[in-house]
Every structure is written in structure tokens, then in C-alpha cells.
């Protein structure tokens, strides 16, 4: 998801069966064998950064999965 200066919160949900990893897009060292700097979103789990807890979540975000090729993933922005 791209950067958005109007964003005041963000939710990541993984309805799939494989773990996914989210990270700020500027974290260039993140890859399937180097997951430092990422946050794991387990299968069936949700990670949310609410505006009261993380007011500056307006950066671009990337995600990857270490297995599978058609993993579903949901991102919701709050304004």
C-alpha cells in the first residue's frame, strides 16, 4: 500500500493459511530469508495500528509470504 498523509490508522488481516510479513517499504533488507524489520501476521490473524497508538503510520507498506503463490491479504486504512 502506498504512502498516504491522510491516514490515521491501518489494519492488516491475513485470512489465508500461510504467515505473511509486513514492513515499511523503505526497509530494503527484508526478504524471504531475511525477515528482520518485519512484523509477522499469522494465518487468520489481524495486526492494527490505531491512530491513538501509532499516529504516524502514513508510510508505504509492503508484505510478503514465505510460502504459497496466491495468498489472500486485506489492508484497511482509517482516515
N, C-alpha and C. Protein backbone atom coordinates (compact mmCIF):
# COMPACT_ATOMS: atom_id res chain seq x y z
N UNK A 1 0.86 -1.16 0.00
CA UNK A 1 0.00 0.00 0.00
C UNK A 1 0.90 1.23 0.00
N UNK A 2 0.52 2.22 -0.75
CA UNK A 2 1.33 3.43 -0.88
C UNK A 2 1.24 4.34 0.34
N UNK A 3 2.14 5.29 0.38
CA UNK A 3 2.12 6.28 1.45
C UNK A 3 0.86 7.13 1.34
N UNK A 4 0.35 7.59 2.48
CA UNK A 4 -0.86 8.40 2.50
C UNK A 4 -0.81 9.32 3.70
N UNK A 5 -0.62 10.62 3.48
CA UNK A 5 -0.51 11.56 4.59
C UNK A 5 -1.82 11.78 5.31
N UNK A 6 -2.94 11.32 4.75
CA UNK A 6 -4.24 11.45 5.40
C UNK A 6 -4.56 10.26 6.31
N UNK A 7 -3.76 9.22 6.26
CA UNK A 7 -4.02 8.00 7.04
C UNK A 7 -3.74 8.24 8.52
N UNK A 8 -4.66 7.79 9.36
CA UNK A 8 -4.50 7.90 10.81
C UNK A 8 -4.56 6.56 11.51
N UNK A 9 -4.61 5.50 10.77
CA UNK A 9 -4.60 4.15 11.32
C UNK A 9 -4.62 3.17 10.16
N UNK A 10 -4.18 1.95 10.43
CA UNK A 10 -4.15 0.93 9.37
C UNK A 10 -4.33 -0.44 9.99
N UNK A 11 -5.02 -1.30 9.26
CA UNK A 11 -5.30 -2.67 9.72
C UNK A 11 -4.83 -3.63 8.64
N UNK A 12 -4.11 -4.67 9.06
CA UNK A 12 -3.66 -5.73 8.17
C UNK A 12 -4.31 -7.03 8.65
N UNK A 13 -4.98 -7.75 7.76
CA UNK A 13 -5.61 -9.02 8.13
C UNK A 13 -5.17 -10.10 7.15
N UNK A 14 -4.83 -11.25 7.70
CA UNK A 14 -4.37 -12.38 6.91
C UNK A 14 -5.39 -13.51 7.00
N UNK A 15 -6.34 -13.61 6.05
CA UNK A 15 -7.34 -14.68 6.10
C UNK A 15 -6.82 -16.00 5.53
N UNK A 16 -5.59 -16.00 5.04
CA UNK A 16 -5.02 -17.19 4.41
C UNK A 16 -4.51 -18.22 5.40
N UNK A 17 -3.80 -19.22 4.87
CA UNK A 17 -3.28 -20.32 5.69
C UNK A 17 -1.77 -20.24 5.90
N UNK A 18 -1.10 -19.29 5.25
CA UNK A 18 0.34 -19.10 5.41
C UNK A 18 0.60 -17.77 6.10
N UNK A 19 1.64 -17.71 6.91
CA UNK A 19 2.01 -16.46 7.57
C UNK A 19 2.43 -15.43 6.54
N UNK A 20 2.13 -14.17 6.81
CA UNK A 20 2.57 -13.05 5.98
C UNK A 20 3.41 -12.13 6.84
N UNK A 21 4.25 -11.35 6.21
CA UNK A 21 5.14 -10.43 6.92
C UNK A 21 4.93 -9.04 6.34
N UNK A 22 4.70 -8.05 7.21
CA UNK A 22 4.51 -6.67 6.77
C UNK A 22 5.71 -5.85 7.24
N UNK A 23 6.02 -4.80 6.49
CA UNK A 23 7.14 -3.95 6.86
C UNK A 23 7.03 -2.63 6.10
N UNK A 24 7.58 -1.54 6.68
CA UNK A 24 7.61 -0.28 5.95
C UNK A 24 8.39 -0.48 4.66
N UNK A 25 7.92 0.05 3.56
CA UNK A 25 8.53 -0.19 2.25
C UNK A 25 9.98 0.24 2.15
N UNK A 26 10.40 1.17 2.97
CA UNK A 26 11.80 1.61 2.93
C UNK A 26 12.75 0.62 3.59
N UNK A 27 12.25 -0.42 4.22
CA UNK A 27 13.10 -1.44 4.85
C UNK A 27 13.61 -2.37 3.76
N UNK A 28 14.72 -2.01 3.15
CA UNK A 28 15.20 -2.71 1.96
C UNK A 28 15.78 -4.09 2.24
N UNK A 29 16.14 -4.41 3.46
CA UNK A 29 16.80 -5.68 3.74
C UNK A 29 15.83 -6.83 3.98
N UNK A 30 14.53 -6.58 3.92
CA UNK A 30 13.55 -7.62 4.20
C UNK A 30 13.38 -8.51 2.97
N UNK A 31 13.47 -9.82 3.18
CA UNK A 31 13.26 -10.80 2.12
C UNK A 31 12.86 -12.12 2.74
N UNK A 32 12.58 -13.12 1.93
CA UNK A 32 12.07 -14.39 2.46
C UNK A 32 13.07 -15.10 3.36
N UNK A 33 14.35 -14.79 3.26
CA UNK A 33 15.34 -15.41 4.15
C UNK A 33 15.91 -14.42 5.15
N UNK A 34 15.49 -13.17 5.08
CA UNK A 34 15.96 -12.12 5.97
C UNK A 34 14.76 -11.28 6.41
N UNK A 35 14.09 -11.72 7.48
CA UNK A 35 12.83 -11.11 7.89
C UNK A 35 12.98 -10.03 8.96
N UNK A 36 14.21 -9.66 9.31
CA UNK A 36 14.42 -8.62 10.30
C UNK A 36 13.78 -7.31 9.87
N UNK A 37 13.10 -6.66 10.78
CA UNK A 37 12.41 -5.41 10.48
C UNK A 37 10.97 -5.61 10.04
N UNK A 38 10.55 -6.86 9.95
CA UNK A 38 9.16 -7.13 9.55
C UNK A 38 8.33 -7.55 10.76
N UNK A 39 7.03 -7.56 10.58
CA UNK A 39 6.08 -7.99 11.62
C UNK A 39 5.27 -9.14 11.04
N UNK A 40 5.29 -10.28 11.70
CA UNK A 40 4.56 -11.44 11.20
C UNK A 40 3.07 -11.30 11.49
N UNK A 41 2.25 -11.56 10.47
CA UNK A 41 0.81 -11.63 10.61
C UNK A 41 0.45 -13.10 10.39
N UNK A 42 0.22 -13.82 11.47
CA UNK A 42 -0.06 -15.25 11.39
C UNK A 42 -1.34 -15.51 10.62
N UNK A 43 -1.48 -16.72 10.10
CA UNK A 43 -2.69 -17.12 9.38
C UNK A 43 -3.91 -16.87 10.26
N UNK A 44 -4.91 -16.19 9.73
CA UNK A 44 -6.13 -15.91 10.47
C UNK A 44 -6.03 -14.77 11.46
N UNK A 45 -4.91 -14.06 11.48
CA UNK A 45 -4.69 -13.00 12.47
C UNK A 45 -4.80 -11.61 11.86
N UNK A 46 -4.91 -10.63 12.76
CA UNK A 46 -5.01 -9.23 12.38
C UNK A 46 -3.99 -8.42 13.17
N UNK A 47 -3.36 -7.47 12.52
CA UNK A 47 -2.47 -6.50 13.17
C UNK A 47 -3.04 -5.12 12.86
N UNK A 48 -3.23 -4.31 13.89
CA UNK A 48 -3.79 -2.98 13.69
C UNK A 48 -2.92 -1.94 14.38
N UNK A 49 -2.69 -0.86 13.68
CA UNK A 49 -2.02 0.30 14.25
C UNK A 49 -3.07 1.40 14.31
N UNK A 50 -3.58 1.63 15.50
CA UNK A 50 -4.62 2.65 15.70
C UNK A 50 -3.98 4.02 15.82
N UNK A 51 -4.72 5.06 15.46
CA UNK A 51 -4.16 6.41 15.47
C UNK A 51 -3.74 6.85 16.86
N UNK A 52 -4.40 6.39 17.89
CA UNK A 52 -4.02 6.79 19.25
C UNK A 52 -2.72 6.13 19.70
N UNK A 53 -2.39 4.98 19.12
CA UNK A 53 -1.17 4.27 19.49
C UNK A 53 -0.01 4.54 18.54
N UNK A 54 -0.30 4.78 17.29
CA UNK A 54 0.73 4.99 16.28
C UNK A 54 0.27 6.08 15.31
N UNK A 55 0.39 7.35 15.72
CA UNK A 55 -0.18 8.43 14.91
C UNK A 55 0.51 8.65 13.57
N UNK A 56 1.69 8.10 13.36
CA UNK A 56 2.42 8.34 12.11
C UNK A 56 2.58 7.05 11.32
N UNK A 57 1.48 6.44 10.94
CA UNK A 57 1.51 5.20 10.16
C UNK A 57 1.22 5.48 8.69
N UNK A 58 1.63 6.66 8.22
CA UNK A 58 1.29 7.07 6.87
C UNK A 58 2.34 6.71 5.83
N UNK A 59 3.35 5.92 6.20
CA UNK A 59 4.36 5.49 5.24
C UNK A 59 3.79 4.41 4.31
N UNK A 60 4.51 4.11 3.25
CA UNK A 60 4.14 3.00 2.37
C UNK A 60 4.49 1.69 3.08
N UNK A 61 3.69 0.65 2.87
CA UNK A 61 3.90 -0.66 3.49
C UNK A 61 3.98 -1.73 2.40
N UNK A 62 4.81 -2.73 2.65
CA UNK A 62 4.92 -3.88 1.76
C UNK A 62 4.65 -5.14 2.57
N UNK A 63 4.38 -6.24 1.87
CA UNK A 63 4.13 -7.52 2.53
C UNK A 63 4.70 -8.64 1.68
N UNK A 64 5.02 -9.74 2.34
CA UNK A 64 5.45 -10.93 1.63
C UNK A 64 5.06 -12.16 2.41
N UNK A 65 4.98 -13.27 1.72
CA UNK A 65 4.75 -14.57 2.33
C UNK A 65 5.91 -15.47 1.93
N UNK A 66 6.34 -16.33 2.83
CA UNK A 66 7.48 -17.20 2.53
C UNK A 66 7.05 -18.50 1.87
N UNK A 67 5.75 -18.71 1.74
CA UNK A 67 5.25 -19.90 1.03
C UNK A 67 3.95 -19.56 0.34
N UNK A 68 3.60 -20.33 -0.69
CA UNK A 68 2.37 -20.10 -1.43
C UNK A 68 2.54 -19.04 -2.50
N UNK A 69 1.58 -19.00 -3.42
CA UNK A 69 1.65 -18.02 -4.50
C UNK A 69 0.38 -17.19 -4.65
N UNK A 70 -0.71 -17.59 -4.05
CA UNK A 70 -1.98 -16.84 -4.16
C UNK A 70 -2.57 -16.60 -2.78
N UNK A 71 -1.78 -16.05 -1.89
CA UNK A 71 -2.22 -15.81 -0.52
C UNK A 71 -3.11 -14.58 -0.43
N UNK A 72 -4.32 -14.71 0.14
CA UNK A 72 -5.17 -13.53 0.30
C UNK A 72 -4.63 -12.64 1.42
N UNK A 73 -4.88 -11.34 1.34
CA UNK A 73 -4.43 -10.40 2.36
C UNK A 73 -5.31 -9.17 2.29
N UNK A 74 -5.68 -8.62 3.43
CA UNK A 74 -6.58 -7.47 3.48
C UNK A 74 -5.89 -6.30 4.18
N UNK A 75 -6.01 -5.11 3.59
CA UNK A 75 -5.48 -3.89 4.20
C UNK A 75 -6.61 -2.87 4.24
N UNK A 76 -6.83 -2.27 5.42
CA UNK A 76 -7.85 -1.23 5.57
C UNK A 76 -7.21 0.00 6.18
N UNK A 77 -7.42 1.14 5.53
CA UNK A 77 -6.89 2.41 6.03
C UNK A 77 -7.98 3.14 6.81
N UNK A 78 -7.58 3.88 7.81
CA UNK A 78 -8.52 4.71 8.58
C UNK A 78 -8.10 6.17 8.40
N UNK A 79 -9.11 7.03 8.17
CA UNK A 79 -8.85 8.45 7.95
C UNK A 79 -9.42 9.27 9.06
